[in-house]
Amino acid sequence: MSSGTGWVVRAIAAAVEQVVRYREQAERNAALGEIRALVVAPDFAPQAKVLAEARGVECIVLDVPRLLSEAGPDELTLFG
């Protein structure tokens, strides 16, 4: 899927593996309670979907054009 900048953005298996490692680290801290693992991307490689399902990671498809049209690019920040 094109991000509108000419780049194709797609989650791959490595992204899923990284999230699994983060979850494993977080699970070591019992004070955090239940931990959910998510990968959010405009598109997912088939291998990433299969691996995510096998590892209990949720795949969430991000509709970038819709997000930009509803929020506006100036309103979207990673850190407020």
PDB file of N, CA and C in Angstrom:
ATOM      1  N   MET A   1       0.852  -1.182   0.000  1.00  0.00           N
ATOM      2  CA  MET A   1       0.000   0.000   0.000  1.00  0.00           C
ATOM      3  C   MET A   1       0.886   1.230   0.000  1.00  0.00           C
ATOM      4  N   SER A   2       0.545   2.196  -0.788  1.00  0.00           N
ATOM      5  CA  SER A   2       1.298   3.440  -0.849  1.00  0.00           C
ATOM      6  C   SER A   2       0.891   4.332   0.311  1.00  0.00           C
ATOM      7  N   SER A   3       1.868   4.981   0.907  1.00  0.00           N
ATOM      8  CA  SER A   3       1.596   5.869   2.035  1.00  0.00           C
ATOM      9  C   SER A   3       1.227   7.271   1.586  1.00  0.00           C
ATOM     10  N   GLY A   4       1.201   7.508   0.274  1.00  0.00           N
ATOM     11  CA  GLY A   4       0.938   8.839  -0.235  1.00  0.00           C
ATOM     12  C   GLY A   4       2.224   9.603  -0.497  1.00  0.00           C
ATOM     13  N   THR A   5       3.340   9.055  -0.062  1.00  0.00           N
ATOM     14  CA  THR A   5       4.634   9.686  -0.281  1.00  0.00           C
ATOM     15  C   THR A   5       5.447   8.933  -1.315  1.00  0.00           C
ATOM     16  N   GLY A   6       4.862   7.913  -1.911  1.00  0.00           N
ATOM     17  CA  GLY A   6       5.583   7.091  -2.862  1.00  0.00           C
ATOM     18  C   GLY A   6       6.194   5.854  -2.235  1.00  0.00           C
ATOM     19  N   TRP A   7       6.226   5.804  -0.932  1.00  0.00           N
ATOM     20  CA  TRP A   7       6.768   4.647  -0.229  1.00  0.00           C
ATOM     21  C   TRP A   7       5.683   3.588  -0.073  1.00  0.00           C
ATOM     22  N   VAL A   8       6.083   2.331  -0.103  1.00  0.00           N
ATOM     23  CA  VAL A   8       5.164   1.246   0.185  1.00  0.00           C
ATOM     24  C   VAL A   8       5.438   0.814   1.616  1.00  0.00           C
ATOM     25  N   VAL A   9       4.399   0.848   2.439  1.00  0.00           N
ATOM     26  CA  VAL A   9       4.547   0.519   3.861  1.00  0.00           C
ATOM     27  C   VAL A   9       3.841  -0.793   4.119  1.00  0.00           C
ATOM     28  N   ARG A  10       4.609  -1.768   4.599  1.00  0.00           N
ATOM     29  CA  ARG A  10       4.048  -3.094   4.849  1.00  0.00           C
ATOM     30  C   ARG A  10       4.774  -3.710   6.043  1.00  0.00           C
ATOM     31  N   ALA A  11       4.009  -4.230   6.979  1.00  0.00           N
ATOM     32  CA  ALA A  11       4.615  -4.931   8.113  1.00  0.00           C
ATOM     33  C   ALA A  11       5.120  -6.288   7.633  1.00  0.00           C
ATOM     34  N   ILE A  12       6.307  -6.632   8.062  1.00  0.00           N
ATOM     35  CA  ILE A  12       6.895  -7.917   7.695  1.00  0.00           C
ATOM     36  C   ILE A  12       7.099  -8.752   8.956  1.00  0.00           C
ATOM     37  N   ALA A  13       7.520  -9.990   8.769  1.00  0.00           N
ATOM     38  CA  ALA A  13       7.682 -10.916   9.891  1.00  0.00           C
ATOM     39  C   ALA A  13       8.624 -10.362  10.959  1.00  0.00           C
ATOM     40  N   ALA A  14       9.635  -9.622  10.556  1.00  0.00           N
ATOM     41  CA  ALA A  14      10.577  -9.055  11.534  1.00  0.00           C
ATOM     42  C   ALA A  14       9.873  -8.116  12.503  1.00  0.00           C
ATOM     43  N   ALA A  15       8.876  -7.386  12.021  1.00  0.00           N
ATOM     44  CA  ALA A  15       8.118  -6.488  12.907  1.00  0.00           C
ATOM     45  C   ALA A  15       7.361  -7.291  13.960  1.00  0.00           C
ATOM     46  N   VAL A  16       6.792  -8.396  13.542  1.00  0.00           N
ATOM     47  CA  VAL A  16       6.065  -9.260  14.479  1.00  0.00           C
ATOM     48  C   VAL A  16       7.031  -9.824  15.518  1.00  0.00           C
ATOM     49  N   GLU A  17       8.182 -10.299  15.070  1.00  0.00           N
ATOM     50  CA  GLU A  17       9.171 -10.852  16.002  1.00  0.00           C
ATOM     51  C   GLU A  17       9.612  -9.801  17.016  1.00  0.00           C
ATOM     52  N   GLN A  18       9.784  -8.563  16.570  1.00  0.00           N
ATOM     53  CA  GLN A  18      10.199  -7.499  17.485  1.00  0.00           C
ATOM     54  C   GLN A  18       9.133  -7.241  18.543  1.00  0.00           C
ATOM     55  N   VAL A  19       7.880  -7.215  18.133  1.00  0.00           N
ATOM     56  CA  VAL A  19       6.789  -7.004  19.087  1.00  0.00           C
ATOM     57  C   VAL A  19       6.713  -8.166  20.077  1.00  0.00           C
ATOM     58  N   VAL A  20       6.962  -9.375  19.619  1.00  0.00           N
ATOM     59  CA  VAL A  20       6.979 -10.535  20.516  1.00  0.00           C
ATOM     60  C   VAL A  20       8.081 -10.364  21.559  1.00  0.00           C
ATOM     61  N   ARG A  21       9.248  -9.886  21.149  1.00  0.00           N
ATOM     62  CA  ARG A  21      10.342  -9.663  22.114  1.00  0.00           C
ATOM     63  C   ARG A  21       9.972  -8.583  23.132  1.00  0.00           C
ATOM     64  N   TYR A  22       9.344  -7.507  22.647  1.00  0.00           N
ATOM     65  CA  TYR A  22       8.895  -6.463  23.576  1.00  0.00           C
ATOM     66  C   TYR A  22       7.881  -7.019  24.574  1.00  0.00           C
ATOM     67  N   ARG A  23       6.949  -7.819  24.084  1.00  0.00           N
ATOM     68  CA  ARG A  23       5.935  -8.402  24.970  1.00  0.00           C
ATOM     69  C   ARG A  23       6.594  -9.295  26.017  1.00  0.00           C
ATOM     70  N   GLU A  24       7.558 -10.104  25.594  1.00  0.00           N
ATOM     71  CA  GLU A  24       8.247 -10.991  26.538  1.00  0.00           C
ATOM     72  C   GLU A  24       8.931 -10.187  27.641  1.00  0.00           C
ATOM     73  N   GLN A  25       9.540  -9.071  27.281  1.00  0.00           N
ATOM     74  CA  GLN A  25      10.179  -8.217  28.278  1.00  0.00           C
ATOM     75  C   GLN A  25       9.135  -7.629  29.232  1.00  0.00           C
ATOM     76  N   ALA A  26       8.036  -7.144  28.694  1.00  0.00           N
ATOM     77  CA  ALA A  26       6.988  -6.535  29.520  1.00  0.00           C
ATOM     78  C   ALA A  26       6.357  -7.561  30.453  1.00  0.00           C
ATOM     79  N   GLU A  27       6.221  -8.788  29.984  1.00  0.00           N
ATOM     80  CA  GLU A  27       5.596  -9.835  30.806  1.00  0.00           C
ATOM     81  C   GLU A  27       6.438 -10.200  32.028  1.00  0.00           C
ATOM     82  N   ARG A  28       7.676  -9.824  32.022  1.00  0.00           N
ATOM     83  CA  ARG A  28       8.538 -10.087  33.189  1.00  0.00           C
ATOM     84  C   ARG A  28       8.177  -9.200  34.374  1.00  0.00           C
ATOM     85  N   ASN A  29       7.436  -8.136  34.100  1.00  0.00           N
ATOM     86  CA  ASN A  29       7.019  -7.215  35.153  1.00  0.00           C
ATOM     87  C   ASN A  29       5.554  -7.508  35.491  1.00  0.00           C
ATOM     88  N   ALA A  30       5.331  -8.258  36.558  1.00  0.00           N
ATOM     89  CA  ALA A  30       3.976  -8.658  36.939  1.00  0.00           C
ATOM     90  C   ALA A  30       3.074  -7.464  37.232  1.00  0.00           C
ATOM     91  N   ALA A  31       3.659  -6.340  37.602  1.00  0.00           N
ATOM     92  CA  ALA A  31       2.864  -5.156  37.921  1.00  0.00           C
ATOM     93  C   ALA A  31       2.131  -4.600  36.699  1.00  0.00           C
ATOM     94  N   LEU A  32       2.580  -4.954  35.512  1.00  0.00           N
ATOM     95  CA  LEU A  32       1.932  -4.457  34.297  1.00  0.00           C
ATOM     96  C   LEU A  32       0.634  -5.191  33.977  1.00  0.00           C
ATOM     97  N   GLY A  33       0.429  -6.343  34.555  1.00  0.00           N
ATOM     98  CA  GLY A  33      -0.794  -7.099  34.291  1.00  0.00           C
ATOM     99  C   GLY A  33      -0.751  -7.756  32.924  1.00  0.00           C
ATOM    100  N   GLU A  34      -1.925  -7.928  32.332  1.00  0.00           N
ATOM    101  CA  GLU A  34      -2.013  -8.595  31.039  1.00  0.00           C
ATOM    102  C   GLU A  34      -1.423  -7.700  29.937  1.00  0.00           C
ATOM    103  N   ILE A  35      -0.648  -8.290  29.069  1.00  0.00           N
ATOM    104  CA  ILE A  35       0.014  -7.563  27.996  1.00  0.00           C
ATOM    105  C   ILE A  35      -0.568  -8.018  26.649  1.00  0.00           C
ATOM    106  N   ARG A  36      -0.952  -7.034  25.823  1.00  0.00           N
ATOM    107  CA  ARG A  36      -1.395  -7.319  24.454  1.00  0.00           C
ATOM    108  C   ARG A  36      -0.288  -6.901  23.499  1.00  0.00           C
ATOM    109  N   ALA A  37      -0.096  -7.683  22.462  1.00  0.00           N
ATOM    110  CA  ALA A  37       0.894  -7.353  21.445  1.00  0.00           C
ATOM    111  C   ALA A  37       0.164  -6.978  20.161  1.00  0.00           C
ATOM    112  N   LEU A  38       0.510  -5.807  19.617  1.00  0.00           N
ATOM    113  CA  LEU A  38      -0.138  -5.295  18.412  1.00  0.00           C
ATOM    114  C   LEU A  38       0.907  -4.880  17.391  1.00  0.00           C
ATOM    115  N   VAL A  39       0.599  -5.111  16.121  1.00  0.00           N
ATOM    116  CA  VAL A  39       1.355  -4.510  15.033  1.00  0.00           C
ATOM    117  C   VAL A  39       0.328  -3.735  14.219  1.00  0.00           C
ATOM    118  N   VAL A  40       0.583  -2.441  14.041  1.00  0.00           N
ATOM    119  CA  VAL A  40      -0.332  -1.559  13.307  1.00  0.00           C
ATOM    120  C   VAL A  40       0.401  -1.077  12.066  1.00  0.00           C
ATOM    121  N   ALA A  41      -0.201  -1.319  10.907  1.00  0.00           N
ATOM    122  CA  ALA A  41       0.428  -0.937   9.643  1.00  0.00           C
ATOM    123  C   ALA A  41      -0.635  -0.817   8.559  1.00  0.00           C
ATOM    124  N   PRO A  42      -0.315  -0.100   7.477  1.00  0.00           N
ATOM    125  CA  PRO A  42      -1.269   0.006   6.377  1.00  0.00           C
ATOM    126  C   PRO A  42      -1.465  -1.319   5.633  1.00  0.00           C
ATOM    127  N   ASP A  43      -0.462  -2.192   5.691  1.00  0.00           N
ATOM    128  CA  ASP A  43      -0.542  -3.468   4.981  1.00  0.00           C
ATOM    129  C   ASP A  43       0.351  -4.476   5.688  1.00  0.00           C
ATOM    130  N   PHE A  44       0.069  -5.741   5.482  1.00  0.00           N
ATOM    131  CA  PHE A  44       0.840  -6.812   6.110  1.00  0.00           C
ATOM    132  C   PHE A  44       1.271  -7.823   5.066  1.00  0.00           C
ATOM    133  N   ALA A  45       2.538  -8.196   5.109  1.00  0.00           N
ATOM    134  CA  ALA A  45       3.011  -9.284   4.267  1.00  0.00           C
ATOM    135  C   ALA A  45       2.318 -10.569   4.732  1.00  0.00           C
ATOM    136  N   PRO A  46       2.039 -11.487   3.812  1.00  0.00           N
ATOM    137  CA  PRO A  46       1.360 -12.725   4.211  1.00  0.00           C
ATOM    138  C   PRO A  46       2.082 -13.472   5.341  1.00  0.00           C
ATOM    139  N   GLN A  47       3.421 -13.499   5.275  1.00  0.00           N
ATOM    140  CA  GLN A  47       4.187 -14.188   6.318  1.00  0.00           C
ATOM    141  C   GLN A  47       3.997 -13.528   7.677  1.00  0.00           C
ATOM    142  N   ALA A  48       3.863 -12.213   7.680  1.00  0.00           N
ATOM    143  CA  ALA A  48       3.675 -11.486   8.941  1.00  0.00           C
ATOM    144  C   ALA A  48       2.338 -11.850   9.565  1.00  0.00           C
ATOM    145  N   LYS A  49       1.298 -11.961   8.748  1.00  0.00           N
ATOM    146  CA  LYS A  49      -0.027 -12.340   9.269  1.00  0.00           C
ATOM    147  C   LYS A  49      -0.001 -13.732   9.874  1.00  0.00           C
ATOM    148  N   VAL A  50       0.630 -14.670   9.175  1.00  0.00           N
ATOM    149  CA  VAL A  50       0.701 -16.047   9.667  1.00  0.00           C
ATOM    150  C   VAL A  50       1.483 -16.107  10.974  1.00  0.00           C
ATOM    151  N   LEU A  51       2.624 -15.445  11.010  1.00  0.00           N
ATOM    152  CA  LEU A  51       3.454 -15.444  12.218  1.00  0.00           C
ATOM    153  C   LEU A  51       2.730 -14.765  13.375  1.00  0.00           C
ATOM    154  N   ALA A  52       2.069 -13.662  13.101  1.00  0.00           N
ATOM    155  CA  ALA A  52       1.342 -12.951  14.154  1.00  0.00           C
ATOM    156  C   ALA A  52       0.265 -13.845  14.764  1.00  0.00           C
ATOM    157  N   GLU A  53      -0.467 -14.537  13.931  1.00  0.00           N
ATOM    158  CA  GLU A  53      -1.505 -15.436  14.451  1.00  0.00           C
ATOM    159  C   GLU A  53      -0.887 -16.530  15.306  1.00  0.00           C
ATOM    160  N   ALA A  54       0.210 -17.091  14.847  1.00  0.00           N
ATOM    161  CA  ALA A  54       0.874 -18.168  15.593  1.00  0.00           C
ATOM    162  C   ALA A  54       1.434 -17.683  16.925  1.00  0.00           C
ATOM    163  N   ARG A  55       1.839 -16.405  17.008  1.00  0.00           N
ATOM    164  CA  ARG A  55       2.452 -15.863  18.219  1.00  0.00           C
ATOM    165  C   ARG A  55       1.500 -15.065  19.085  1.00  0.00           C
ATOM    166  N   GLY A  56       0.220 -15.021  18.705  1.00  0.00           N
ATOM    167  CA  GLY A  56      -0.751 -14.300  19.523  1.00  0.00           C
ATOM    168  C   GLY A  56      -0.625 -12.791  19.439  1.00  0.00           C
ATOM    169  N   VAL A  57      -0.217 -12.287  18.280  1.00  0.00           N
ATOM    170  CA  VAL A  57      -0.064 -10.853  18.058  1.00  0.00           C
ATOM    171  C   VAL A  57      -1.218 -10.383  17.179  1.00  0.00           C
ATOM    172  N   GLU A  58      -1.842  -9.266  17.561  1.00  0.00           N
ATOM    173  CA  GLU A  58      -2.945  -8.716  16.776  1.00  0.00           C
ATOM    174  C   GLU A  58      -2.404  -7.858  15.639  1.00  0.00           C
ATOM    175  N   CYS A  59      -2.975  -8.025  14.450  1.00  0.00           N
ATOM    176  CA  CYS A  59      -2.635  -7.193  13.296  1.00  0.00           C
ATOM    177  C   CYS A  59      -3.768  -6.196  13.091  1.00  0.00           C
ATOM    178  N   ILE A  60      -3.436  -4.928  13.100  1.00  0.00           N
ATOM    179  CA  ILE A  60      -4.428  -3.872  12.911  1.00  0.00           C
ATOM    180  C   ILE A  60      -4.052  -3.081  11.664  1.00  0.00           C
ATOM    181  N   VAL A  61      -4.971  -3.041  10.706  1.00  0.00           N
ATOM    182  CA  VAL A  61      -4.736  -2.322   9.460  1.00  0.00           C
ATOM    183  C   VAL A  61      -5.054  -0.843   9.676  1.00  0.00           C
ATOM    184  N   LEU A  62      -4.088  -0.007   9.382  1.00  0.00           N
ATOM    185  CA  LEU A  62      -4.227   1.433   9.538  1.00  0.00           C
ATOM    186  C   LEU A  62      -4.561   2.047   8.183  1.00  0.00           C
ATOM    187  N   ASP A  63      -5.684   2.703   8.096  1.00  0.00           N
ATOM    188  CA  ASP A  63      -6.109   3.369   6.870  1.00  0.00           C
ATOM    189  C   ASP A  63      -5.555   4.794   6.891  1.00  0.00           C
ATOM    190  N   VAL A  64      -4.358   4.970   6.349  1.00  0.00           N
ATOM    191  CA  VAL A  64      -3.663   6.251   6.415  1.00  0.00           C
ATOM    192  C   VAL A  64      -4.437   7.367   5.716  1.00  0.00           C
ATOM    193  N   PRO A  65      -4.931   7.168   4.481  1.00  0.00           N
ATOM    194  CA  PRO A  65      -5.688   8.258   3.847  1.00  0.00           C
ATOM    195  C   PRO A  65      -6.907   8.693   4.670  1.00  0.00           C
ATOM    196  N   ARG A  66      -7.606   7.748   5.245  1.00  0.00           N
ATOM    197  CA  ARG A  66      -8.764   8.095   6.075  1.00  0.00           C
ATOM    198  C   ARG A  66      -8.324   8.855   7.320  1.00  0.00           C
ATOM    199  N   LEU A  67      -7.275   8.378   7.946  1.00  0.00           N
ATOM    200  CA  LEU A  67      -6.754   9.040   9.139  1.00  0.00           C
ATOM    201  C   LEU A  67      -6.380  10.487   8.833  1.00  0.00           C
ATOM    202  N   LEU A  68      -5.671  10.687   7.728  1.00  0.00           N
ATOM    203  CA  LEU A  68      -5.266  12.040   7.349  1.00  0.00           C
ATOM    204  C   LEU A  68      -6.454  12.921   7.004  1.00  0.00           C
ATOM    205  N   SER A  69      -7.463  12.346   6.354  1.00  0.00           N
ATOM    206  CA  SER A  69      -8.620  13.157   5.967  1.00  0.00           C
ATOM    207  C   SER A  69      -9.469  13.537   7.176  1.00  0.00           C
ATOM    208  N   GLU A  70      -9.513  12.684   8.171  1.00  0.00           N
ATOM    209  CA  GLU A  70     -10.333  12.967   9.351  1.00  0.00           C
ATOM    210  C   GLU A  70      -9.616  13.845  10.366  1.00  0.00           C
ATOM    211  N   ALA A  71      -8.309  13.677  10.503  1.00  0.00           N
ATOM    212  CA  ALA A  71      -7.584  14.403  11.538  1.00  0.00           C
ATOM    213  C   ALA A  71      -6.797  15.584  10.976  1.00  0.00           C
ATOM    214  N   GLY A  72      -6.340  15.464   9.757  1.00  0.00           N
ATOM    215  CA  GLY A  72      -5.490  16.510   9.190  1.00  0.00           C
ATOM    216  C   GLY A  72      -4.050  16.277   9.582  1.00  0.00           C
ATOM    217  N   PRO A  73      -3.109  16.464   8.666  1.00  0.00           N
ATOM    218  CA  PRO A  73      -1.712  16.136   8.941  1.00  0.00           C
ATOM    219  C   PRO A  73      -1.087  16.970  10.055  1.00  0.00           C
ATOM    220  N   ASP A  74      -1.584  18.187  10.293  1.00  0.00           N
ATOM    221  CA  ASP A  74      -1.017  19.016  11.351  1.00  0.00           C
ATOM    222  C   ASP A  74      -1.457  18.589  12.751  1.00  0.00           C
ATOM    223  N   GLU A  75      -2.517  17.803  12.822  1.00  0.00           N
ATOM    224  CA  GLU A  75      -3.025  17.353  14.127  1.00  0.00           C
ATOM    225  C   GLU A  75      -2.412  16.044  14.582  1.00  0.00           C
ATOM    226  N   LEU A  76      -1.729  15.354  13.697  1.00  0.00           N
ATOM    227  CA  LEU A  76      -1.176  14.043  14.024  1.00  0.00           C
ATOM    228  C   LEU A  76       0.257  14.190  14.496  1.00  0.00           C
ATOM    229  N   THR A  77       0.488  13.843  15.744  1.00  0.00           N
ATOM    230  CA  THR A  77       1.841  13.873  16.293  1.00  0.00           C
ATOM    231  C   THR A  77       2.081  12.586  17.063  1.00  0.00           C
ATOM    232  N   LEU A  78       3.319  12.154  17.061  1.00  0.00           N
ATOM    233  CA  LEU A  78       3.660  10.963  17.821  1.00  0.00           C
ATOM    234  C   LEU A  78       3.750  11.278  19.303  1.00  0.00           C
ATOM    235  N   PHE A  79       4.315  12.429  19.606  1.00  0.00           N
ATOM    236  CA  PHE A  79       4.454  12.848  20.999  1.00  0.00           C
ATOM    237  C   PHE A  79       3.825  14.230  21.137  1.00  0.00           C
ATOM    238  N   GLY A  80       2.841  14.343  22.054  1.00  0.00           N
ATOM    239  CA  GLY A  80       2.123  15.596  22.214  1.00  0.00           C
ATOM    240  C   GLY A  80       2.869  16.550  23.013  1.00  0.00           C
TER     241      GLY A  80
END
